[in-house]
N, C-alpha and C. Protein backbone atom coordinates (compact mmCIF):
# COMPACT_ATOMS: atom_id res chain seq x y z
N MET A 1 -99.51 -38.83 -87.50
CA MET A 1 -99.62 -38.26 -86.17
C MET A 1 -98.60 -37.14 -86.02
N ARG A 2 -99.03 -36.08 -85.36
CA ARG A 2 -98.14 -34.94 -85.13
C ARG A 2 -97.63 -34.94 -83.71
N ARG A 3 -96.40 -34.47 -83.55
CA ARG A 3 -95.84 -34.33 -82.22
C ARG A 3 -96.51 -33.17 -81.50
N GLN A 4 -96.55 -33.26 -80.18
CA GLN A 4 -97.19 -32.24 -79.37
C GLN A 4 -96.37 -30.96 -79.35
N LEU A 5 -97.02 -29.86 -78.99
CA LEU A 5 -96.39 -28.54 -79.01
C LEU A 5 -95.19 -28.46 -78.06
N ILE A 6 -95.34 -28.97 -76.84
CA ILE A 6 -94.23 -28.88 -75.88
C ILE A 6 -93.05 -29.70 -76.36
N ASP A 7 -93.32 -30.85 -76.96
CA ASP A 7 -92.25 -31.69 -77.50
C ASP A 7 -91.51 -30.96 -78.62
N ARG A 8 -92.25 -30.34 -79.52
CA ARG A 8 -91.60 -29.60 -80.62
C ARG A 8 -90.82 -28.41 -80.09
N MET A 9 -91.37 -27.70 -79.10
CA MET A 9 -90.68 -26.55 -78.53
C MET A 9 -89.40 -26.96 -77.82
N ALA A 10 -89.46 -28.08 -77.08
CA ALA A 10 -88.29 -28.53 -76.33
C ALA A 10 -87.23 -29.16 -77.23
N ASP A 11 -87.54 -29.36 -78.49
CA ASP A 11 -86.59 -29.96 -79.42
C ASP A 11 -85.79 -28.91 -80.19
N THR A 12 -85.89 -27.64 -79.78
CA THR A 12 -85.17 -26.58 -80.47
C THR A 12 -83.80 -26.34 -79.82
N THR A 13 -82.92 -25.70 -80.56
CA THR A 13 -81.60 -25.38 -80.05
C THR A 13 -81.68 -24.37 -78.91
N ALA A 14 -82.57 -23.41 -79.03
CA ALA A 14 -82.70 -22.39 -77.99
C ALA A 14 -83.12 -23.03 -76.67
N PHE A 15 -84.05 -23.98 -76.71
CA PHE A 15 -84.45 -24.64 -75.48
C PHE A 15 -83.32 -25.51 -74.94
N GLY A 16 -82.56 -26.14 -75.81
CA GLY A 16 -81.41 -26.93 -75.37
C GLY A 16 -80.39 -26.07 -74.63
N ILE A 17 -80.14 -24.87 -75.14
CA ILE A 17 -79.23 -23.94 -74.45
C ILE A 17 -79.81 -23.52 -73.11
N LEU A 18 -81.12 -23.23 -73.09
CA LEU A 18 -81.78 -22.85 -71.84
C LEU A 18 -81.74 -24.00 -70.83
N LEU A 19 -81.92 -25.23 -71.30
CA LEU A 19 -81.84 -26.39 -70.40
C LEU A 19 -80.42 -26.54 -69.85
N PHE A 20 -79.43 -26.32 -70.69
CA PHE A 20 -78.04 -26.40 -70.23
C PHE A 20 -77.76 -25.34 -69.17
N LEU A 21 -78.19 -24.10 -69.41
CA LEU A 21 -77.95 -23.03 -68.45
C LEU A 21 -78.71 -23.27 -67.14
N SER A 22 -79.92 -23.77 -67.24
CA SER A 22 -80.66 -24.06 -66.01
C SER A 22 -80.05 -25.26 -65.28
N GLY A 23 -79.46 -26.18 -66.04
CA GLY A 23 -78.76 -27.30 -65.41
C GLY A 23 -77.55 -26.83 -64.63
N LEU A 24 -76.89 -25.79 -65.12
CA LEU A 24 -75.75 -25.24 -64.38
C LEU A 24 -76.18 -24.68 -63.03
N MET A 25 -77.45 -24.30 -62.92
CA MET A 25 -77.95 -23.76 -61.67
C MET A 25 -78.56 -24.85 -60.78
N VAL A 26 -79.28 -25.77 -61.37
CA VAL A 26 -80.05 -26.75 -60.60
C VAL A 26 -79.19 -27.96 -60.19
N LEU A 27 -78.37 -28.47 -61.09
CA LEU A 27 -77.64 -29.70 -60.81
C LEU A 27 -76.62 -29.59 -59.67
N PRO A 28 -75.89 -28.46 -59.52
CA PRO A 28 -75.02 -28.37 -58.33
C PRO A 28 -75.80 -28.38 -57.01
N VAL A 29 -76.98 -27.77 -57.01
CA VAL A 29 -77.81 -27.78 -55.80
C VAL A 29 -78.28 -29.21 -55.52
N LEU A 30 -78.65 -29.94 -56.57
CA LEU A 30 -79.05 -31.33 -56.40
C LEU A 30 -77.89 -32.18 -55.89
N ALA A 31 -76.70 -31.95 -56.45
CA ALA A 31 -75.53 -32.69 -55.99
C ALA A 31 -75.24 -32.40 -54.52
N LEU A 32 -75.37 -31.15 -54.11
CA LEU A 32 -75.19 -30.81 -52.71
C LEU A 32 -76.22 -31.51 -51.83
N GLY A 33 -77.46 -31.55 -52.31
CA GLY A 33 -78.51 -32.24 -51.56
C GLY A 33 -78.23 -33.72 -51.43
N VAL A 34 -77.71 -34.35 -52.49
CA VAL A 34 -77.39 -35.77 -52.43
C VAL A 34 -76.22 -36.02 -51.48
N LEU A 35 -75.26 -35.12 -51.45
CA LEU A 35 -74.11 -35.29 -50.55
C LEU A 35 -74.48 -35.06 -49.09
N VAL A 36 -75.41 -34.15 -48.83
CA VAL A 36 -75.76 -33.80 -47.45
C VAL A 36 -76.84 -34.74 -46.88
N SER A 37 -77.68 -35.32 -47.73
CA SER A 37 -78.79 -36.15 -47.26
C SER A 37 -78.37 -37.30 -46.36
N PRO A 38 -77.30 -38.04 -46.67
CA PRO A 38 -76.92 -39.13 -45.75
C PRO A 38 -76.60 -38.65 -44.34
N PHE A 39 -76.08 -37.44 -44.21
CA PHE A 39 -75.77 -36.92 -42.88
C PHE A 39 -77.04 -36.66 -42.08
N PHE A 40 -78.12 -36.26 -42.77
CA PHE A 40 -79.39 -36.10 -42.08
C PHE A 40 -79.90 -37.44 -41.57
N LEU A 41 -79.68 -38.48 -42.35
CA LEU A 41 -80.17 -39.80 -41.97
C LEU A 41 -79.29 -40.46 -40.91
N ILE A 42 -77.98 -40.26 -41.02
CA ILE A 42 -77.04 -40.91 -40.10
C ILE A 42 -76.95 -40.15 -38.78
N ALA A 43 -76.92 -38.82 -38.84
CA ALA A 43 -76.67 -38.01 -37.65
C ALA A 43 -77.74 -38.20 -36.58
N GLY A 44 -78.94 -38.37 -36.99
CA GLY A 44 -79.97 -38.53 -35.97
C GLY A 44 -81.31 -38.87 -36.56
N PRO A 45 -81.52 -40.13 -36.94
CA PRO A 45 -82.83 -40.47 -37.51
C PRO A 45 -83.97 -40.29 -36.50
N THR A 46 -83.66 -40.37 -35.22
CA THR A 46 -84.72 -40.18 -34.23
C THR A 46 -84.99 -38.71 -33.97
N THR A 47 -83.99 -37.85 -34.21
CA THR A 47 -84.19 -36.43 -33.97
C THR A 47 -84.49 -35.65 -35.24
N ALA A 48 -84.54 -36.34 -36.38
CA ALA A 48 -84.79 -35.66 -37.64
C ALA A 48 -86.22 -35.14 -37.67
N GLY A 49 -86.36 -33.91 -38.07
CA GLY A 49 -87.67 -33.31 -38.17
C GLY A 49 -88.27 -33.51 -39.56
N ALA A 50 -89.44 -32.95 -39.74
CA ALA A 50 -90.11 -33.07 -41.04
C ALA A 50 -89.33 -32.33 -42.11
N GLY A 51 -88.65 -31.26 -41.74
CA GLY A 51 -87.85 -30.52 -42.71
C GLY A 51 -86.68 -31.34 -43.24
N ASP A 52 -86.04 -32.09 -42.33
CA ASP A 52 -84.95 -32.97 -42.75
C ASP A 52 -85.45 -34.07 -43.67
N LEU A 53 -86.60 -34.65 -43.31
CA LEU A 53 -87.17 -35.70 -44.14
C LEU A 53 -87.58 -35.17 -45.51
N ALA A 54 -88.16 -33.97 -45.54
CA ALA A 54 -88.53 -33.37 -46.81
C ALA A 54 -87.29 -33.09 -47.66
N PHE A 55 -86.21 -32.65 -47.03
CA PHE A 55 -84.97 -32.39 -47.75
C PHE A 55 -84.44 -33.66 -48.39
N VAL A 56 -84.44 -34.75 -47.63
CA VAL A 56 -83.95 -36.03 -48.15
C VAL A 56 -84.85 -36.53 -49.27
N LEU A 57 -86.17 -36.43 -49.08
CA LEU A 57 -87.09 -36.90 -50.12
C LEU A 57 -87.00 -36.07 -51.39
N LEU A 58 -86.83 -34.76 -51.26
CA LEU A 58 -86.70 -33.92 -52.44
C LEU A 58 -85.38 -34.21 -53.17
N SER A 59 -84.32 -34.45 -52.43
CA SER A 59 -83.05 -34.81 -53.08
C SER A 59 -83.18 -36.14 -53.81
N THR A 60 -83.82 -37.10 -53.16
CA THR A 60 -84.03 -38.41 -53.79
C THR A 60 -84.92 -38.28 -55.02
N GLY A 61 -85.97 -37.49 -54.92
CA GLY A 61 -86.85 -37.28 -56.07
C GLY A 61 -86.13 -36.60 -57.23
N GLY A 62 -85.23 -35.68 -56.91
CA GLY A 62 -84.44 -35.04 -57.97
C GLY A 62 -83.53 -36.01 -58.68
N VAL A 63 -82.91 -36.90 -57.91
CA VAL A 63 -82.04 -37.91 -58.52
C VAL A 63 -82.86 -38.85 -59.40
N ILE A 64 -84.03 -39.25 -58.91
CA ILE A 64 -84.91 -40.12 -59.71
C ILE A 64 -85.32 -39.41 -61.00
N GLY A 65 -85.60 -38.12 -60.92
CA GLY A 65 -85.95 -37.35 -62.12
C GLY A 65 -84.81 -37.28 -63.11
N ILE A 66 -83.59 -37.08 -62.64
CA ILE A 66 -82.43 -37.04 -63.54
C ILE A 66 -82.21 -38.42 -64.17
N VAL A 67 -82.40 -39.49 -63.38
CA VAL A 67 -82.28 -40.83 -63.94
C VAL A 67 -83.35 -41.05 -65.02
N GLY A 68 -84.56 -40.54 -64.78
CA GLY A 68 -85.61 -40.63 -65.79
C GLY A 68 -85.26 -39.87 -67.06
N TRP A 69 -84.67 -38.69 -66.90
CA TRP A 69 -84.27 -37.90 -68.07
C TRP A 69 -83.18 -38.64 -68.85
N LEU A 70 -82.22 -39.22 -68.14
CA LEU A 70 -81.17 -39.99 -68.83
C LEU A 70 -81.74 -41.23 -69.49
N ARG A 71 -82.67 -41.94 -68.80
CA ARG A 71 -83.31 -43.11 -69.41
C ARG A 71 -84.08 -42.73 -70.66
N ALA A 72 -84.73 -41.57 -70.63
CA ALA A 72 -85.49 -41.13 -71.80
C ALA A 72 -84.56 -40.84 -72.98
N ARG A 73 -83.44 -40.20 -72.71
CA ARG A 73 -82.49 -39.91 -73.79
C ARG A 73 -81.89 -41.19 -74.35
N TRP A 74 -81.53 -42.13 -73.46
CA TRP A 74 -80.95 -43.40 -73.93
C TRP A 74 -82.02 -44.26 -74.60
N GLY A 75 -83.23 -44.22 -74.08
CA GLY A 75 -84.32 -45.01 -74.65
C GLY A 75 -84.74 -44.54 -76.03
N ALA A 76 -84.52 -43.26 -76.31
CA ALA A 76 -84.84 -42.76 -77.64
C ALA A 76 -83.89 -43.34 -78.68
N ARG A 77 -82.68 -43.69 -78.25
CA ARG A 77 -81.70 -44.26 -79.18
C ARG A 77 -81.93 -45.75 -79.40
N THR A 78 -82.34 -46.48 -78.36
CA THR A 78 -82.58 -47.92 -78.47
C THR A 78 -83.98 -48.22 -77.93
N PRO A 79 -85.03 -47.94 -78.71
CA PRO A 79 -86.39 -48.09 -78.18
C PRO A 79 -86.85 -49.54 -78.01
N GLU A 80 -86.20 -50.48 -78.67
CA GLU A 80 -86.67 -51.87 -78.55
C GLU A 80 -86.40 -52.48 -77.19
N ARG A 81 -85.40 -51.99 -76.46
CA ARG A 81 -85.07 -52.53 -75.14
C ARG A 81 -85.48 -51.57 -74.02
N HIS A 82 -86.37 -50.68 -74.28
CA HIS A 82 -86.67 -49.62 -73.34
C HIS A 82 -88.00 -49.87 -72.64
N ASN A 83 -88.00 -49.79 -71.32
CA ASN A 83 -89.22 -49.91 -70.53
C ASN A 83 -89.82 -48.50 -70.39
N VAL A 84 -90.80 -48.21 -71.21
CA VAL A 84 -91.36 -46.86 -71.26
C VAL A 84 -92.07 -46.51 -69.96
N GLY A 85 -92.80 -47.45 -69.39
CA GLY A 85 -93.55 -47.17 -68.17
C GLY A 85 -92.66 -46.75 -67.01
N LEU A 86 -91.54 -47.43 -66.84
CA LEU A 86 -90.62 -47.08 -65.76
C LEU A 86 -90.00 -45.70 -65.99
N THR A 87 -89.63 -45.42 -67.23
CA THR A 87 -89.07 -44.10 -67.53
C THR A 87 -90.10 -43.00 -67.30
N LEU A 88 -91.35 -43.24 -67.67
CA LEU A 88 -92.40 -42.25 -67.43
C LEU A 88 -92.61 -42.03 -65.94
N ALA A 89 -92.55 -43.09 -65.16
CA ALA A 89 -92.69 -42.94 -63.70
C ALA A 89 -91.53 -42.13 -63.12
N PHE A 90 -90.32 -42.38 -63.60
CA PHE A 90 -89.16 -41.61 -63.13
C PHE A 90 -89.30 -40.14 -63.52
N LEU A 91 -89.72 -39.88 -64.75
CA LEU A 91 -89.90 -38.50 -65.19
C LEU A 91 -91.01 -37.81 -64.40
N ALA A 92 -92.09 -38.53 -64.11
CA ALA A 92 -93.18 -37.95 -63.32
C ALA A 92 -92.70 -37.61 -61.91
N THR A 93 -91.86 -38.47 -61.34
CA THR A 93 -91.31 -38.19 -60.01
C THR A 93 -90.43 -36.94 -60.06
N GLY A 94 -89.62 -36.82 -61.10
CA GLY A 94 -88.78 -35.64 -61.24
C GLY A 94 -89.60 -34.36 -61.42
N ILE A 95 -90.67 -34.45 -62.19
CA ILE A 95 -91.53 -33.28 -62.38
C ILE A 95 -92.19 -32.88 -61.07
N ALA A 96 -92.70 -33.85 -60.34
CA ALA A 96 -93.33 -33.55 -59.05
C ALA A 96 -92.32 -32.94 -58.07
N THR A 97 -91.11 -33.45 -58.09
CA THR A 97 -90.07 -32.92 -57.20
C THR A 97 -89.70 -31.49 -57.59
N ALA A 98 -89.54 -31.24 -58.88
CA ALA A 98 -89.21 -29.88 -59.32
C ALA A 98 -90.34 -28.91 -58.99
N LEU A 99 -91.59 -29.36 -59.12
CA LEU A 99 -92.72 -28.51 -58.72
C LEU A 99 -92.68 -28.22 -57.23
N ALA A 100 -92.38 -29.24 -56.43
CA ALA A 100 -92.34 -29.05 -54.98
C ALA A 100 -91.21 -28.11 -54.58
N VAL A 101 -90.04 -28.29 -55.18
CA VAL A 101 -88.91 -27.41 -54.85
C VAL A 101 -89.22 -25.98 -55.27
N GLY A 102 -89.75 -25.81 -56.47
CA GLY A 102 -90.12 -24.47 -56.92
C GLY A 102 -91.16 -23.84 -56.02
N GLY A 103 -92.16 -24.62 -55.61
CA GLY A 103 -93.19 -24.10 -54.70
C GLY A 103 -92.64 -23.72 -53.35
N PHE A 104 -91.72 -24.54 -52.84
CA PHE A 104 -91.11 -24.24 -51.55
C PHE A 104 -90.27 -22.97 -51.62
N VAL A 105 -89.54 -22.80 -52.71
CA VAL A 105 -88.71 -21.61 -52.87
C VAL A 105 -89.58 -20.37 -53.02
N ILE A 106 -90.68 -20.50 -53.76
CA ILE A 106 -91.62 -19.37 -53.88
C ILE A 106 -92.22 -19.04 -52.53
N TYR A 107 -92.59 -20.06 -51.76
CA TYR A 107 -93.13 -19.82 -50.42
C TYR A 107 -92.12 -19.07 -49.56
N TYR A 108 -90.85 -19.48 -49.64
CA TYR A 108 -89.82 -18.80 -48.87
C TYR A 108 -89.71 -17.34 -49.31
N ALA A 109 -89.75 -17.09 -50.62
CA ALA A 109 -89.61 -15.73 -51.12
C ALA A 109 -90.78 -14.85 -50.69
N VAL A 110 -91.97 -15.43 -50.67
CA VAL A 110 -93.15 -14.65 -50.30
C VAL A 110 -93.16 -14.38 -48.79
N SER A 111 -92.67 -15.33 -48.00
CA SER A 111 -92.72 -15.16 -46.55
C SER A 111 -91.62 -14.25 -46.01
N GLN A 112 -90.61 -13.94 -46.81
CA GLN A 112 -89.51 -13.06 -46.37
C GLN A 112 -89.77 -11.64 -46.85
N PRO A 113 -89.47 -10.66 -46.03
CA PRO A 113 -89.64 -9.27 -46.48
C PRO A 113 -88.46 -8.86 -47.38
N LEU A 114 -88.61 -9.03 -48.67
CA LEU A 114 -87.56 -8.71 -49.62
C LEU A 114 -87.99 -7.55 -50.52
N ASP A 115 -87.05 -6.68 -50.82
CA ASP A 115 -87.32 -5.60 -51.77
C ASP A 115 -87.22 -6.16 -53.19
N TRP A 116 -87.86 -5.48 -54.13
CA TRP A 116 -87.81 -5.92 -55.53
C TRP A 116 -86.40 -5.83 -56.11
N SER A 117 -85.58 -4.96 -55.55
CA SER A 117 -84.21 -4.80 -56.05
C SER A 117 -83.20 -5.69 -55.32
N ASP A 118 -83.68 -6.51 -54.40
CA ASP A 118 -82.80 -7.38 -53.63
C ASP A 118 -82.22 -8.47 -54.53
N PRO A 119 -80.89 -8.66 -54.53
CA PRO A 119 -80.29 -9.71 -55.37
C PRO A 119 -80.76 -11.11 -55.01
N LEU A 120 -81.12 -11.32 -53.74
CA LEU A 120 -81.63 -12.64 -53.33
C LEU A 120 -82.95 -12.96 -54.04
N LEU A 121 -83.80 -11.96 -54.21
CA LEU A 121 -85.07 -12.18 -54.91
C LEU A 121 -84.83 -12.50 -56.38
N ILE A 122 -83.85 -11.87 -56.98
CA ILE A 122 -83.51 -12.15 -58.38
C ILE A 122 -82.96 -13.57 -58.50
N ALA A 123 -82.12 -13.98 -57.55
CA ALA A 123 -81.59 -15.35 -57.56
C ALA A 123 -82.70 -16.37 -57.36
N ILE A 124 -83.64 -16.07 -56.47
CA ILE A 124 -84.76 -16.98 -56.24
C ILE A 124 -85.59 -17.11 -57.50
N ALA A 125 -85.87 -16.00 -58.16
CA ALA A 125 -86.65 -16.05 -59.40
C ALA A 125 -85.94 -16.87 -60.47
N ALA A 126 -84.63 -16.69 -60.59
CA ALA A 126 -83.86 -17.46 -61.58
C ALA A 126 -83.88 -18.95 -61.23
N PHE A 127 -83.80 -19.28 -59.95
CA PHE A 127 -83.82 -20.68 -59.51
C PHE A 127 -85.18 -21.33 -59.82
N VAL A 128 -86.25 -20.59 -59.60
CA VAL A 128 -87.59 -21.12 -59.89
C VAL A 128 -87.78 -21.29 -61.39
N VAL A 129 -87.31 -20.33 -62.18
CA VAL A 129 -87.41 -20.45 -63.64
C VAL A 129 -86.58 -21.64 -64.13
N ALA A 130 -85.42 -21.87 -63.53
CA ALA A 130 -84.59 -23.02 -63.92
C ALA A 130 -85.33 -24.32 -63.65
N HIS A 131 -86.03 -24.41 -62.53
CA HIS A 131 -86.83 -25.61 -62.26
C HIS A 131 -87.98 -25.73 -63.26
N GLY A 132 -88.55 -24.59 -63.65
CA GLY A 132 -89.61 -24.61 -64.66
C GLY A 132 -89.12 -25.14 -66.00
N VAL A 133 -87.90 -24.81 -66.36
CA VAL A 133 -87.32 -25.33 -67.61
C VAL A 133 -87.18 -26.85 -67.53
N TRP A 134 -86.73 -27.36 -66.39
CA TRP A 134 -86.60 -28.81 -66.24
C TRP A 134 -87.96 -29.49 -66.22
N ILE A 135 -88.98 -28.82 -65.69
CA ILE A 135 -90.34 -29.37 -65.72
C ILE A 135 -90.82 -29.49 -67.15
N VAL A 136 -90.62 -28.44 -67.94
CA VAL A 136 -91.03 -28.48 -69.34
C VAL A 136 -90.26 -29.57 -70.09
N ALA A 137 -88.97 -29.72 -69.80
CA ALA A 137 -88.18 -30.78 -70.45
C ALA A 137 -88.72 -32.16 -70.09
N GLY A 138 -89.10 -32.36 -68.83
CA GLY A 138 -89.66 -33.65 -68.43
C GLY A 138 -90.99 -33.93 -69.10
N ILE A 139 -91.85 -32.91 -69.18
CA ILE A 139 -93.13 -33.09 -69.86
C ILE A 139 -92.91 -33.38 -71.34
N ALA A 140 -91.95 -32.70 -71.95
CA ALA A 140 -91.65 -32.94 -73.36
C ALA A 140 -91.17 -34.37 -73.59
N TRP A 141 -90.34 -34.88 -72.69
CA TRP A 141 -89.88 -36.26 -72.84
C TRP A 141 -91.01 -37.25 -72.64
N ILE A 142 -91.93 -36.94 -71.73
CA ILE A 142 -93.09 -37.82 -71.57
C ILE A 142 -93.91 -37.85 -72.86
N GLU A 143 -94.15 -36.68 -73.44
CA GLU A 143 -94.89 -36.64 -74.70
C GLU A 143 -94.13 -37.36 -75.81
N ARG A 144 -92.83 -37.16 -75.88
CA ARG A 144 -92.02 -37.77 -76.93
C ARG A 144 -92.02 -39.29 -76.80
N LEU A 145 -91.89 -39.79 -75.58
CA LEU A 145 -91.88 -41.24 -75.37
C LEU A 145 -93.23 -41.87 -75.70
N MET A 146 -94.31 -41.21 -75.29
CA MET A 146 -95.63 -41.75 -75.60
C MET A 146 -95.90 -41.72 -77.10
N PHE A 147 -95.44 -40.68 -77.79
CA PHE A 147 -95.60 -40.59 -79.24
C PHE A 147 -94.79 -41.68 -79.94
N SER A 148 -93.54 -41.86 -79.53
CA SER A 148 -92.71 -42.88 -80.18
C SER A 148 -93.24 -44.28 -79.89
N TYR A 149 -93.82 -44.49 -78.71
CA TYR A 149 -94.42 -45.79 -78.41
C TYR A 149 -95.62 -46.04 -79.32
N ALA A 150 -96.44 -45.01 -79.52
CA ALA A 150 -97.61 -45.17 -80.38
C ALA A 150 -97.20 -45.42 -81.83
N VAL A 151 -96.16 -44.74 -82.29
CA VAL A 151 -95.70 -44.95 -83.66
C VAL A 151 -95.11 -46.34 -83.82
N ARG A 152 -94.33 -46.78 -82.84
CA ARG A 152 -93.64 -48.07 -82.93
C ARG A 152 -94.60 -49.25 -82.82
N THR A 153 -95.58 -49.17 -81.92
CA THR A 153 -96.45 -50.32 -81.68
C THR A 153 -97.82 -50.20 -82.34
N GLY A 154 -98.20 -49.00 -82.71
CA GLY A 154 -99.54 -48.81 -83.27
C GLY A 154 -100.61 -48.68 -82.20
N ARG A 155 -100.22 -48.70 -80.93
CA ARG A 155 -101.16 -48.55 -79.82
C ARG A 155 -100.81 -47.29 -79.04
N ILE A 156 -101.82 -46.69 -78.47
CA ILE A 156 -101.59 -45.52 -77.64
C ILE A 156 -101.19 -45.99 -76.25
N PHE A 157 -100.16 -45.36 -75.68
CA PHE A 157 -99.69 -45.73 -74.35
C PHE A 157 -100.69 -45.24 -73.32
N ASP A 158 -101.08 -46.12 -72.42
CA ASP A 158 -102.02 -45.76 -71.37
C ASP A 158 -101.27 -45.01 -70.27
N ALA A 159 -101.46 -43.71 -70.23
CA ALA A 159 -100.71 -42.88 -69.29
C ALA A 159 -101.48 -42.60 -68.00
N ILE A 160 -102.64 -43.22 -67.82
CA ILE A 160 -103.42 -42.97 -66.61
C ILE A 160 -102.66 -43.39 -65.35
N PRO A 161 -102.00 -44.57 -65.31
CA PRO A 161 -101.25 -44.90 -64.09
C PRO A 161 -100.14 -43.91 -63.78
N VAL A 162 -99.47 -43.41 -64.81
CA VAL A 162 -98.42 -42.43 -64.59
C VAL A 162 -99.01 -41.13 -64.06
N ALA A 163 -100.16 -40.73 -64.60
CA ALA A 163 -100.81 -39.51 -64.13
C ALA A 163 -101.24 -39.65 -62.67
N LEU A 164 -101.80 -40.82 -62.32
CA LEU A 164 -102.19 -41.05 -60.93
C LEU A 164 -100.99 -41.07 -60.01
N LEU A 165 -99.88 -41.65 -60.47
CA LEU A 165 -98.65 -41.64 -59.68
C LEU A 165 -98.16 -40.22 -59.47
N LEU A 166 -98.22 -39.40 -60.50
CA LEU A 166 -97.80 -38.01 -60.38
C LEU A 166 -98.66 -37.26 -59.37
N VAL A 167 -99.96 -37.46 -59.42
CA VAL A 167 -100.85 -36.81 -58.47
C VAL A 167 -100.55 -37.27 -57.04
N ALA A 168 -100.35 -38.58 -56.86
CA ALA A 168 -100.06 -39.10 -55.53
C ALA A 168 -98.73 -38.56 -55.00
N LEU A 169 -97.71 -38.52 -55.85
CA LEU A 169 -96.41 -37.98 -55.42
C LEU A 169 -96.51 -36.50 -55.09
N GLY A 170 -97.26 -35.77 -55.90
CA GLY A 170 -97.43 -34.35 -55.63
C GLY A 170 -98.14 -34.10 -54.30
N LEU A 171 -99.15 -34.92 -54.00
CA LEU A 171 -99.86 -34.76 -52.72
C LEU A 171 -98.97 -35.12 -51.54
N VAL A 172 -98.19 -36.18 -51.66
CA VAL A 172 -97.28 -36.56 -50.58
C VAL A 172 -96.24 -35.47 -50.35
N LEU A 173 -95.66 -34.95 -51.45
CA LEU A 173 -94.67 -33.88 -51.29
C LEU A 173 -95.28 -32.62 -50.71
N ALA A 174 -96.52 -32.31 -51.11
CA ALA A 174 -97.18 -31.13 -50.57
C ALA A 174 -97.41 -31.27 -49.06
N VAL A 175 -97.82 -32.45 -48.62
CA VAL A 175 -98.02 -32.68 -47.19
C VAL A 175 -96.70 -32.58 -46.44
N LEU A 176 -95.64 -33.19 -46.99
CA LEU A 176 -94.34 -33.12 -46.32
C LEU A 176 -93.81 -31.70 -46.23
N LEU A 177 -93.97 -30.94 -47.31
CA LEU A 177 -93.51 -29.56 -47.27
C LEU A 177 -94.35 -28.71 -46.32
N ALA A 178 -95.65 -29.00 -46.27
CA ALA A 178 -96.49 -28.27 -45.33
C ALA A 178 -96.08 -28.58 -43.89
N LEU A 179 -95.77 -29.85 -43.62
CA LEU A 179 -95.31 -30.21 -42.29
C LEU A 179 -93.96 -29.56 -41.98
N ALA A 180 -93.09 -29.50 -42.97
CA ALA A 180 -91.78 -28.91 -42.75
C ALA A 180 -91.87 -27.43 -42.46
N THR A 181 -92.80 -26.75 -43.10
CA THR A 181 -92.90 -25.30 -42.89
C THR A 181 -93.70 -24.96 -41.64
N LEU A 182 -94.56 -25.86 -41.20
CA LEU A 182 -95.34 -25.57 -40.01
C LEU A 182 -94.60 -25.85 -38.72
N THR A 183 -93.57 -26.70 -38.78
CA THR A 183 -92.85 -27.02 -37.56
C THR A 183 -91.65 -26.14 -37.36
């Protein structure tokens, strides 16, 4: 059996450097979101709008995605004690969250009158590309885990529940973001 293209691409040194650089951009924003989210919940759960709820859910989804990425890295070292299904669900949540954040940032960029030479537009583009790198890394880990499961057990991992979970999470995040932008 051969490894998938995205898995092989994400296993290169160049992609590792790109993931590190995008982590320098994405992870501080995630940390800020995790630190600020409790204040949205504590300050006024009755007055919190859809935007506040979307912010908290996206921060939580980002943390779940990072936990999935860490579980995937640790699970690759000790596969006999690794729950592949849970790690795939965490990675799928992280991918859906990164897609939602990237989509929201693109929506913001399109709705604002920005010139092509505006530094804010360049920063937005770099932020979206950084999320794209993390999406590719998550997909590569999903492929890698399913491949290693098939090699180890001789059975193909049934990824349909994970795919359905990803679709459901993406739809929920899309509705929440739509509500946040409409209010």
